[in-house]
Protein backbone atom coordinates (compact mmCIF):
# COMPACT_ATOMS: atom_id res chain seq x y z
CA MET A 1 27.81 149.84 94.21
CA PRO A 2 27.99 146.73 92.01
CA VAL A 3 29.51 147.02 88.60
CA THR A 4 27.52 145.67 85.66
CA THR A 5 29.51 143.65 83.16
CA PRO A 6 28.72 143.75 79.42
CA ALA A 7 27.33 140.23 79.56
CA GLU A 8 24.98 141.28 82.31
CA ALA A 9 23.91 144.53 80.66
CA PRO A 10 20.21 144.96 79.76
CA ALA A 11 19.01 144.05 76.28
CA THR A 12 18.74 147.71 75.34
CA THR A 13 22.47 148.12 75.86
CA ARG A 14 23.31 145.14 73.60
CA GLY A 15 21.81 146.52 70.37
CA ALA A 16 18.27 145.00 70.73
CA PRO A 17 15.31 147.17 69.53
CA PRO A 18 13.66 149.13 72.32
CA LEU A 19 10.40 147.84 73.74
CA PRO A 20 7.24 149.77 72.75
CA PRO A 21 5.88 152.02 75.45
CA ARG A 22 3.24 150.45 77.54
CA GLY A 23 -0.26 151.84 77.28
CA LYS A 24 -3.06 151.67 79.76
CA PRO A 25 -3.73 148.22 81.17
CA GLY A 26 -6.43 146.25 79.19
CA ARG A 27 -6.33 148.59 76.17
CA PRO A 28 -4.53 147.54 72.93
CA ALA A 29 -1.99 149.80 71.36
CA ALA A 30 -3.04 152.22 68.60
CA PRO A 31 -1.63 150.17 65.67
CA VAL A 32 -3.51 147.09 66.90
CA ARG A 33 -6.75 149.05 67.18
CA ARG A 34 -6.31 150.40 63.68
CA ALA A 35 -5.73 146.87 62.30
CA VAL A 36 -8.86 145.57 64.01
CA ARG A 37 -10.94 148.44 62.63
CA ARG A 38 -9.53 147.86 59.15
CA ARG A 39 -10.44 144.15 59.27
CA ARG A 40 -13.95 144.99 60.45
CA ARG A 41 -14.41 147.47 57.59
CA ILE A 42 -13.22 144.90 55.06
CA ALA A 43 -15.57 142.29 56.54
CA ALA A 44 -18.46 144.78 56.41
CA VAL A 45 -17.77 145.53 52.74
CA PHE A 46 -17.87 141.83 51.87
CA LEU A 47 -20.96 141.20 54.01
CA LEU A 48 -22.92 144.19 52.75
CA PRO A 49 -24.23 142.57 49.51
CA ALA A 50 -25.34 139.48 51.42
CA LEU A 51 -26.97 141.60 54.12
CA LEU A 52 -28.80 143.66 51.50
CA LEU A 53 -30.10 140.53 49.80
CA LEU A 54 -31.05 139.02 53.14
CA GLY A 55 -32.92 142.14 54.11
CA ALA A 56 -34.70 142.46 50.77
CA LEU A 57 -35.63 138.79 50.37
CA VAL A 58 -36.15 137.70 53.99
CA ALA A 59 -36.42 140.50 56.54
CA TYR A 60 -38.62 142.87 54.52
CA PRO A 61 -41.17 140.17 53.48
CA ILE A 62 -41.44 138.99 57.10
CA VAL A 63 -42.05 142.50 58.44
CA PHE A 64 -44.45 143.31 55.62
CA SER A 65 -46.41 140.06 56.16
CA VAL A 66 -46.74 140.77 59.90
CA ILE A 67 -48.04 144.27 59.19
CA ARG A 68 -50.30 143.11 56.32
CA SER A 69 -51.85 140.44 58.52
CA MET A 70 -53.38 143.19 60.64
CA TYR A 71 -55.35 144.68 57.74
CA ASP A 72 -58.48 143.52 55.92
CA ALA A 73 -58.67 141.99 52.44
CA SER A 74 -58.44 145.39 50.73
CA GLY A 75 -55.45 146.45 52.83
CA ASP A 76 -57.05 149.78 53.76
CA THR A 77 -58.68 149.04 57.12
CA PHE A 78 -56.74 148.06 60.23
CA VAL A 79 -58.41 145.04 61.87
CA GLY A 80 -55.81 144.06 64.45
CA ALA A 81 -55.96 140.39 65.37
CA ASP A 82 -59.26 139.70 63.55
CA ASN A 83 -57.51 137.75 60.80
CA TYR A 84 -55.90 135.47 63.38
CA THR A 85 -59.27 134.92 65.05
CA GLU A 86 -60.93 134.13 61.73
CA MET A 87 -58.06 131.82 60.82
CA PHE A 88 -58.72 129.52 63.76
CA GLN A 89 -62.48 129.56 63.14
CA ASP A 90 -62.24 128.54 59.47
CA PRO A 91 -62.87 124.77 58.96
CA ALA A 92 -60.55 124.71 55.93
CA THR A 93 -57.68 126.17 57.98
CA LEU A 94 -58.29 123.74 60.83
CA ARG A 95 -58.20 120.87 58.34
CA ALA A 96 -54.95 122.23 56.91
CA ILE A 97 -53.44 122.40 60.41
CA ARG A 98 -54.53 118.81 61.08
CA ASN A 99 -53.00 117.57 57.82
CA SER A 100 -49.80 119.52 58.47
CA ALA A 101 -49.60 117.85 61.89
CA ILE A 102 -49.95 114.45 60.19
CA TRP A 103 -47.09 115.38 57.86
CA VAL A 104 -44.87 116.51 60.75
CA VAL A 105 -45.55 113.38 62.82
CA PHE A 106 -45.16 110.72 60.13
CA ALA A 107 -43.07 111.95 57.18
CA PRO A 108 -39.82 112.92 59.02
CA ALA A 109 -39.91 109.80 61.21
CA LEU A 110 -40.50 107.50 58.22
CA LEU A 111 -37.79 109.19 56.16
CA THR A 112 -35.23 109.09 58.97
CA GLY A 113 -35.99 105.45 59.78
CA LEU A 114 -35.95 104.37 56.14
CA GLY A 115 -32.71 106.25 55.48
CA LEU A 116 -31.10 104.63 58.55
CA VAL A 117 -32.16 101.12 57.52
CA LEU A 118 -30.98 101.57 53.93
CA ALA A 119 -27.67 103.09 55.07
CA VAL A 120 -26.96 100.14 57.37
CA LEU A 121 -28.03 97.52 54.83
CA THR A 122 -25.96 99.02 52.00
CA GLU A 123 -22.85 99.65 54.10
CA LYS A 124 -21.05 96.44 53.18
CA ILE A 125 -22.19 95.89 49.60
CA ARG A 126 -19.79 96.59 46.77
CA TRP A 127 -22.21 98.65 44.68
CA LYS A 128 -23.36 100.91 47.52
CA THR A 129 -22.18 104.05 45.69
CA ALA A 130 -24.29 103.20 42.66
CA PHE A 131 -27.26 102.44 44.92
CA LYS A 132 -26.92 105.76 46.74
CA LEU A 133 -26.67 107.57 43.42
CA LEU A 134 -29.80 105.83 42.19
CA MET A 135 -31.69 106.70 45.37
CA PHE A 136 -30.50 110.31 45.23
CA MET A 137 -31.56 110.86 41.61
CA PRO A 138 -35.23 111.79 42.41
CA MET A 139 -33.91 114.94 44.12
CA ALA A 140 -32.75 116.12 40.69
CA ILE A 141 -36.38 116.09 39.52
CA SER A 142 -38.50 119.12 40.23
CA PHE A 143 -41.50 118.76 42.53
CA LEU A 144 -43.72 119.64 39.57
CA ALA A 145 -42.40 116.74 37.49
CA ALA A 146 -42.53 114.37 40.49
CA GLY A 147 -46.13 115.38 41.17
CA ILE A 148 -47.13 114.67 37.57
CA ILE A 149 -45.38 111.28 37.70
CA PHE A 150 -47.22 110.22 40.84
CA ARG A 151 -50.52 111.69 39.66
CA LEU A 152 -50.32 109.27 36.73
CA ALA A 153 -49.07 106.41 38.90
CA TYR A 154 -52.04 106.83 41.28
CA GLU A 155 -54.69 106.90 38.51
CA GLN A 156 -57.76 104.78 39.26
CA ASP A 157 -57.87 103.28 35.75
CA PRO A 158 -55.55 100.23 35.70
CA GLN A 159 -54.80 100.94 32.05
CA ARG A 160 -53.11 104.21 33.08
CA GLY A 161 -52.19 103.92 36.77
CA VAL A 162 -49.25 101.58 37.31
CA LEU A 163 -50.03 100.97 41.01
CA ASN A 164 -53.60 99.93 40.29
CA ALA A 165 -52.41 97.80 37.38
CA VAL A 166 -50.23 95.90 39.87
CA ALA A 167 -53.07 95.74 42.43
CA VAL A 168 -55.54 94.38 39.86
CA SER A 169 -53.01 91.83 38.62
CA VAL A 170 -52.33 90.57 42.15
CA HIS A 171 -56.06 90.48 42.97
CA ASP A 172 -56.90 88.52 39.83
CA ASN A 173 -54.08 86.04 40.43
CA PHE A 174 -55.18 85.26 44.00
CA GLN A 175 -58.94 85.75 43.76
CA GLY A 176 -59.43 84.61 40.20
CA GLU A 177 -60.53 86.84 37.35
CA ASN A 178 -64.17 87.78 37.78
CA THR A 179 -65.99 88.19 34.48
CA SER A 180 -68.95 90.49 34.79
CA PHE A 181 -71.06 92.69 32.57
CA PRO A 182 -71.89 95.89 34.53
CA THR A 183 -74.00 97.34 31.71
CA ALA A 184 -76.02 94.19 31.00
CA LYS A 185 -79.76 94.33 31.72
CA ALA A 186 -83.04 92.75 30.72
CA ARG A 187 -84.70 94.01 27.56
CA LEU A 188 -87.31 96.72 28.12
CA GLY A 189 -90.68 95.04 28.41
CA ASP A 190 -89.18 91.61 29.07
CA LYS A 191 -91.54 89.70 31.35
CA GLN A 192 -89.24 86.73 31.83
CA LEU A 193 -86.74 88.42 34.19
CA THR A 194 -87.28 90.70 37.18
CA LYS A 195 -84.54 92.74 38.81
CA GLY A 196 -83.95 92.42 42.55
CA HIS A 197 -83.00 95.16 44.99
CA ASP A 198 -79.40 93.91 45.08
CA GLY A 199 -79.00 94.10 41.31
CA SER A 200 -79.59 90.40 40.58
CA TYR A 201 -82.03 89.06 37.97
CA ARG A 202 -84.47 86.19 38.58
CA THR A 203 -87.00 84.46 36.35
CA THR A 204 -90.57 85.60 36.95
CA HIS A 205 -92.05 82.13 36.54
CA ARG A 206 -90.75 79.09 38.36
CA THR A 207 -89.93 75.88 36.54
CA SER A 208 -89.12 72.26 37.35
CA PRO A 209 -86.06 70.11 36.60
CA GLY A 210 -85.87 68.72 33.08
CA ASN A 211 -86.68 72.03 31.38
CA THR A 212 -84.61 74.52 29.42
CA VAL A 213 -84.47 78.18 30.45
CA ASN A 214 -82.74 80.62 28.09
CA LEU A 215 -81.98 84.05 29.52
CA GLY A 216 -81.49 86.95 27.13
CA LEU A 217 -79.78 90.20 28.13
CA VAL A 218 -79.00 93.42 26.30
CA GLY A 219 -76.84 96.49 26.92
CA VAL A 220 -73.41 94.90 26.39
CA PRO A 221 -71.35 96.92 23.85
CA PRO A 222 -69.61 94.79 21.20
CA LYS A 223 -66.18 95.95 22.39
CA GLU A 224 -66.90 94.56 25.88
CA MET A 225 -67.82 91.09 24.63
CA PRO A 226 -65.09 88.59 25.55
CA PRO A 227 -63.12 87.25 22.58
CA ALA A 228 -63.92 83.72 23.78
CA ALA A 229 -67.73 84.22 23.41
CA ARG A 230 -69.30 81.73 20.96
CA PRO A 231 -72.70 81.55 19.22
CA ALA A 232 -75.39 80.27 21.59
CA ALA A 233 -77.95 78.90 19.10
CA SER A 234 -76.75 75.29 19.15
CA ALA A 235 -76.52 75.05 22.95
CA ALA A 236 -79.98 76.57 23.33
CA LYS A 237 -81.55 73.59 21.52
CA ALA A 238 -79.90 70.91 23.70
CA PRO A 239 -82.50 69.05 25.83
CA ALA A 240 -82.26 68.94 29.61
CA ALA A 241 -81.85 65.64 31.45
CA ASP A 242 -83.88 64.57 34.46
CA GLY A 243 -82.94 66.39 37.65
CA GLU A 244 -81.32 69.31 35.89
CA LEU A 245 -82.09 72.74 34.52
CA ARG A 246 -80.13 73.93 31.55
CA GLY A 247 -80.11 76.70 29.00
CA VAL A 248 -78.01 79.60 27.79
CA VAL A 249 -77.36 83.17 28.92
CA TYR A 250 -76.91 85.16 25.72
CA LEU A 251 -76.79 88.66 24.29
CA ASP A 252 -80.23 89.12 22.75
CA PHE A 253 -78.99 91.22 19.89
CA THR A 254 -78.37 90.17 16.31
CA PRO A 255 -75.45 91.98 14.62
CA GLY A 256 -76.60 93.71 11.47
CA GLY A 257 -80.25 93.82 12.56
CA GLY A 258 -83.07 91.32 12.31
CA GLY A 259 -83.77 88.56 14.74
CA LYS A 260 -86.65 88.07 17.14
CA PRO A 261 -86.52 89.36 20.74
CA GLY A 262 -86.56 86.58 23.32
CA THR A 263 -85.35 83.98 20.83
CA VAL A 264 -81.78 82.72 20.41
CA ASP A 265 -81.13 83.66 16.79
CA ARG A 266 -78.23 82.55 14.65
CA GLY A 267 -75.22 84.77 15.25
CA GLU A 268 -76.20 85.80 18.79
CA ARG A 269 -73.38 84.97 21.17
CA GLY A 270 -73.45 83.62 24.69
CA LEU A 271 -72.14 85.46 27.76
CA PRO A 272 -69.36 83.30 29.26
CA LYS A 273 -68.18 82.90 32.86
CA LEU A 274 -71.38 84.10 34.50
CA SER A 275 -72.78 82.53 37.65
CA VAL A 276 -76.23 80.94 37.39
CA GLU A 277 -78.19 79.69 40.44
CA ALA A 278 -81.28 77.58 41.01
CA VAL A 279 -83.37 79.03 43.89
CA ASP A 280 -85.97 76.80 45.54
CA SER A 281 -89.33 77.83 46.96
CA HIS A 282 -87.73 78.71 50.33
CA GLY A 283 -85.31 81.19 48.72
CA LYS A 284 -82.26 78.98 49.18
CA VAL A 285 -79.74 78.33 46.43
CA ALA A 286 -80.04 74.65 45.48
CA ALA A 287 -77.45 74.50 42.69
CA LYS A 288 -74.84 76.70 41.02
CA ALA A 289 -73.18 76.66 37.63
CA THR A 290 -70.94 78.82 35.44
CA THR A 291 -71.69 79.54 31.81
CA GLY A 292 -69.38 78.25 29.11
CA PRO A 293 -68.02 80.10 26.05
CA ASP A 294 -71.40 79.71 24.32
CA GLY A 295 -73.28 80.88 27.42
CA SER A 296 -74.58 77.40 28.28
CA TYR A 297 -75.13 76.25 31.86
CA ARG A 298 -76.32 73.10 33.64
CA LEU A 299 -77.83 73.07 37.13
CA THR A 300 -77.65 69.44 38.22
CA GLY A 301 -78.65 67.40 41.27
CA LEU A 302 -82.01 69.13 41.73
CA ALA A 303 -84.76 67.43 43.69
CA PRO A 304 -88.30 67.48 42.28
CA GLY A 305 -90.00 70.81 42.86
CA SER A 306 -90.22 74.30 41.44
CA TYR A 307 -87.19 76.54 41.01
CA ALA A 308 -86.38 80.02 39.81
CA VAL A 309 -83.22 80.59 37.77
CA GLN A 310 -81.20 83.53 39.08
CA LEU A 311 -78.27 85.59 37.85
CA PRO A 312 -76.64 86.91 41.06
CA ALA A 313 -75.62 90.53 41.56
CA ASN A 314 -71.89 89.84 41.15
CA ASP A 315 -72.56 89.04 37.47
CA PHE A 316 -73.36 92.72 37.00
CA ALA A 317 -70.86 94.25 39.43
CA ALA A 318 -68.04 96.36 38.09
CA PRO A 319 -64.73 94.46 37.95
CA TYR A 320 -62.08 95.16 40.57
CA GLN A 321 -60.42 98.44 39.64
CA GLY A 322 -57.76 98.61 42.33
CA ILE A 323 -57.30 101.06 45.19
CA SER A 324 -58.65 104.60 45.24
CA TRP A 325 -55.31 106.24 45.93
CA LEU A 326 -56.64 109.70 45.08
CA GLY A 327 -59.78 109.34 47.17
CA PRO A 328 -60.44 111.31 50.36
CA ALA A 329 -59.28 108.48 52.65
CA LEU A 330 -55.84 107.85 51.10
CA ILE A 331 -54.88 111.12 49.43
CA THR A 332 -52.62 112.36 52.28
CA PRO A 333 -50.74 109.02 52.69
CA ALA A 334 -50.38 108.85 48.91
CA ILE A 335 -48.76 112.29 48.76
CA ILE A 336 -46.50 111.43 51.71
CA GLY A 337 -45.39 108.36 49.73
CA ALA A 338 -44.44 110.59 46.77
CA TYR A 339 -42.57 112.91 49.14
CA MET A 340 -40.63 109.97 50.59
CA TRP A 341 -39.66 108.83 47.10
CA ILE A 342 -38.00 112.19 46.53
CA TRP A 343 -36.27 112.67 49.90
CA THR A 344 -35.20 109.14 50.87
CA GLY A 345 -31.97 109.55 48.91
CA PHE A 346 -31.10 112.69 50.91
CA ALA A 347 -31.59 110.89 54.22
CA LEU A 348 -29.66 107.84 52.97
CA VAL A 349 -26.63 109.86 51.82
CA LEU A 350 -26.49 111.99 54.97
CA ILE A 351 -26.86 109.05 57.37
CA GLY A 352 -24.47 106.98 55.26
CA ALA A 353 -21.82 109.71 55.62
CA GLY A 354 -22.27 109.65 59.39
CA LEU A 355 -22.11 105.85 59.40
CA SER A 356 -18.84 105.80 57.44
CA SER A 357 -17.20 108.12 60.01
CA MET A 358 -18.15 105.98 63.03
CA PRO A 359 -15.32 104.30 64.99
CA ARG A 360 -15.24 100.66 63.94
CA ASP A 361 -13.30 99.45 66.95
CA VAL A 362 -16.30 99.97 69.23
CA MET A 363 -18.52 97.84 67.00
CA GLU A 364 -15.88 95.14 66.62
CA ALA A 365 -15.34 95.05 70.40
CA ALA A 366 -19.06 94.59 70.94
CA ARG A 367 -19.15 91.71 68.44
CA MET A 368 -16.18 90.08 70.15
CA ASP A 369 -18.04 90.35 73.47
CA GLY A 370 -20.90 88.32 71.99
CA ALA A 371 -23.34 91.02 70.83
CA ASN A 372 -25.43 90.10 67.80
CA GLU A 373 -26.08 92.45 64.90
CA TRP A 374 -29.39 93.68 66.28
CA GLN A 375 -27.76 94.57 69.61
CA VAL A 376 -24.91 96.34 67.82
CA PHE A 377 -27.41 98.29 65.75
CA ARG A 378 -29.67 99.23 68.65
CA ARG A 379 -27.09 99.97 71.35
CA ILE A 380 -24.09 101.24 69.38
CA THR A 381 -24.97 102.31 65.85
CA VAL A 382 -28.11 104.29 66.68
CA PRO A 383 -26.67 106.12 69.74
CA LEU A 384 -23.49 107.08 67.86
CA LEU A 385 -25.57 108.28 64.89
CA SER A 386 -28.03 110.23 67.04
CA PRO A 387 -26.53 113.66 66.09
CA VAL A 388 -26.88 112.89 62.38
CA LEU A 389 -30.33 111.40 62.85
CA GLY A 390 -31.36 114.51 64.74
CA VAL A 391 -30.16 116.78 61.93
CA VAL A 392 -32.02 114.72 59.30
CA PHE A 393 -35.20 114.61 61.37
CA VAL A 394 -35.28 118.34 62.15
CA THR A 395 -34.43 119.23 58.54
CA MET A 396 -37.33 117.11 57.35
CA VAL A 397 -39.66 118.71 59.91
CA ILE A 398 -38.79 122.15 58.51
CA ASN A 399 -39.22 120.87 54.98
CA VAL A 400 -42.61 119.21 55.41
CA MET A 401 -44.02 122.32 57.07
CA LYS A 402 -43.53 124.11 53.74
CA VAL A 403 -44.75 121.36 51.39
CA PHE A 404 -46.95 122.82 48.67
CA ASP A 405 -46.15 121.57 45.16
CA LEU A 406 -46.94 117.91 45.62
CA VAL A 407 -50.26 118.56 47.35
CA TYR A 408 -51.34 121.06 44.70
CA ILE A 409 -50.42 118.81 41.77
CA ILE A 410 -51.30 115.30 42.96
CA ALA A 411 -54.58 115.96 44.76
CA PRO A 412 -57.52 116.24 42.29
CA GLY A 413 -59.79 119.24 42.64
CA PRO A 414 -62.68 117.46 44.47
CA VAL A 415 -60.36 116.08 47.18
CA GLN A 416 -57.85 118.91 47.38
CA GLN A 417 -59.42 120.18 50.58
CA ASP A 418 -58.99 116.72 52.14
CA ALA A 419 -55.24 116.94 51.46
CA ASN A 420 -54.91 120.63 52.27
CA VAL A 421 -51.88 121.86 54.25
CA LEU A 422 -50.94 125.26 55.65
CA ALA A 423 -48.76 126.36 52.72
CA LEU A 424 -51.46 125.44 50.20
CA GLN A 425 -54.17 127.09 52.31
CA MET A 426 -52.09 130.26 52.45
CA TRP A 427 -51.85 130.30 48.64
CA LEU A 428 -55.54 129.48 48.13
CA VAL A 429 -56.65 132.23 50.51
CA SER A 430 -54.31 134.83 49.03
CA PHE A 431 -54.19 134.06 45.30
CA GLY A 432 -56.21 130.92 44.54
CA GLY A 433 -59.64 132.53 44.56
CA GLY A 434 -59.90 133.87 48.10
CA ASN A 435 -58.23 137.21 47.28
CA ASN A 436 -57.81 137.91 51.00
CA GLN A 437 -54.15 138.70 51.46
CA GLY A 438 -54.74 139.85 55.02
CA LEU A 439 -55.85 136.37 56.05
CA GLY A 440 -53.17 134.83 53.83
CA SER A 441 -50.49 136.91 55.58
CA ALA A 442 -51.80 135.71 58.93
CA LEU A 443 -51.41 132.14 57.72
CA GLY A 444 -47.87 132.95 56.59
CA VAL A 445 -47.02 134.34 60.03
CA LEU A 446 -48.45 131.20 61.64
CA LEU A 447 -46.35 129.03 59.36
CA LEU A 448 -43.26 131.08 60.24
CA LEU A 449 -43.91 130.72 63.97
CA LEU A 450 -44.23 126.95 63.56
CA VAL A 451 -41.00 126.67 61.56
CA VAL A 452 -38.82 128.94 63.74
CA PRO A 453 -38.51 126.53 66.73
CA ALA A 454 -37.35 123.72 64.45
CA MET A 455 -34.85 126.04 62.77
CA ALA A 456 -33.55 127.23 66.16
CA LEU A 457 -33.14 123.62 67.29
CA ASN A 458 -31.23 122.77 64.12
CA ILE A 459 -28.89 125.77 64.54
CA ARG A 460 -28.32 124.86 68.18
CA ARG A 461 -27.40 121.29 67.27
CA PHE A 462 -25.08 122.54 64.54
CA ARG A 463 -23.27 124.88 66.93
CA ARG A 464 -22.98 122.14 69.51
CA SER A 465 -21.43 119.79 66.95
CA GLN A 466 -18.88 122.50 66.00
CA SER A 467 -17.79 123.11 69.60
């Protein structure tokens, strides 16, 4: 029998602590189980307030809305799926679904693309931090304040709406300022002028070259008279030369009273910058002229014959007032523009953070291999940023599905239905006059079902990025 030396003795014989007894295979020892249970209890205590809030503010409203959607407007009669059937038969709801689809298709894509372009363009500038801060500032403004700002910016009146003030200024610079008098008209009982179907005025009796034809109009308020308008009496007495028709177009109204209708009295001013035409017997325009500050005109180069003097319809057309941003055709794009103003800074900052963490050696290697900036952007920058772009896009999809404030504030009452979205329709049906909370709850459930897939996709991408 071999003899064991002290050096070869087991650890238990050399003063080491004894090993704990082994339990059943696959089952932790009792102290370990107690520690795990203790940690779970501590975690439950800390999670309980959050779970209570989550249940009270999220879970309970969802369950209540699902149950309420199966009852009528009073909440007393169970109607099953009738509210869902009515929802898809209501033209207002179908219009809201269509507009929400427009928001989902265009707004997230435009925001993601604009944020990507701005992030790439501002990457190498020295003041990029200040630019990002400036772009991010609209997110500090509430949707209510932003809606009021853009409601004023989109006003039709160029004196109030900044966008139409710019549009009118650009139009007048390229097309020339068009002076017109929309309220001007012939005096009641005037037999000299007849009004055409297109709004123009033409002399009743025809005349021949060498004569003077004075045309008097009324209906122009003193505040709308151009400052450059001058008295027309002197020009009205000037004789016409051979081969021309001349005269004045004047406001047939004497300030302070007096004067004779149909006669150019002292103090009556001419209407400047109006078009005057000579129309021959075949209805063709033979000559054109523009009135001067005193309202005088000269139609020259006329062949012998009879002519009618005409004031075309554009002399009485309303001046260019800009674009109808708040009209039925442009109200949804206008609100999307306001939404982009608010959220572009968010997309820029998020994509910029992803851009700053990209490996630069890959981009530099591509440039050394002869790739231009567009190829680097399309084949390297965009693929490497695809996870960030996906997060921004899906986040914006979730956000635009719930848009309410901007639509409610910016869209005027007559066109609100043209800009209607699901969140606004849910509020209108439930509280905005419909008083049918059963149908409103059905709309809320529909909105939840549309948002859940985007939220699940976002969570899945987040978990994938963490693994």
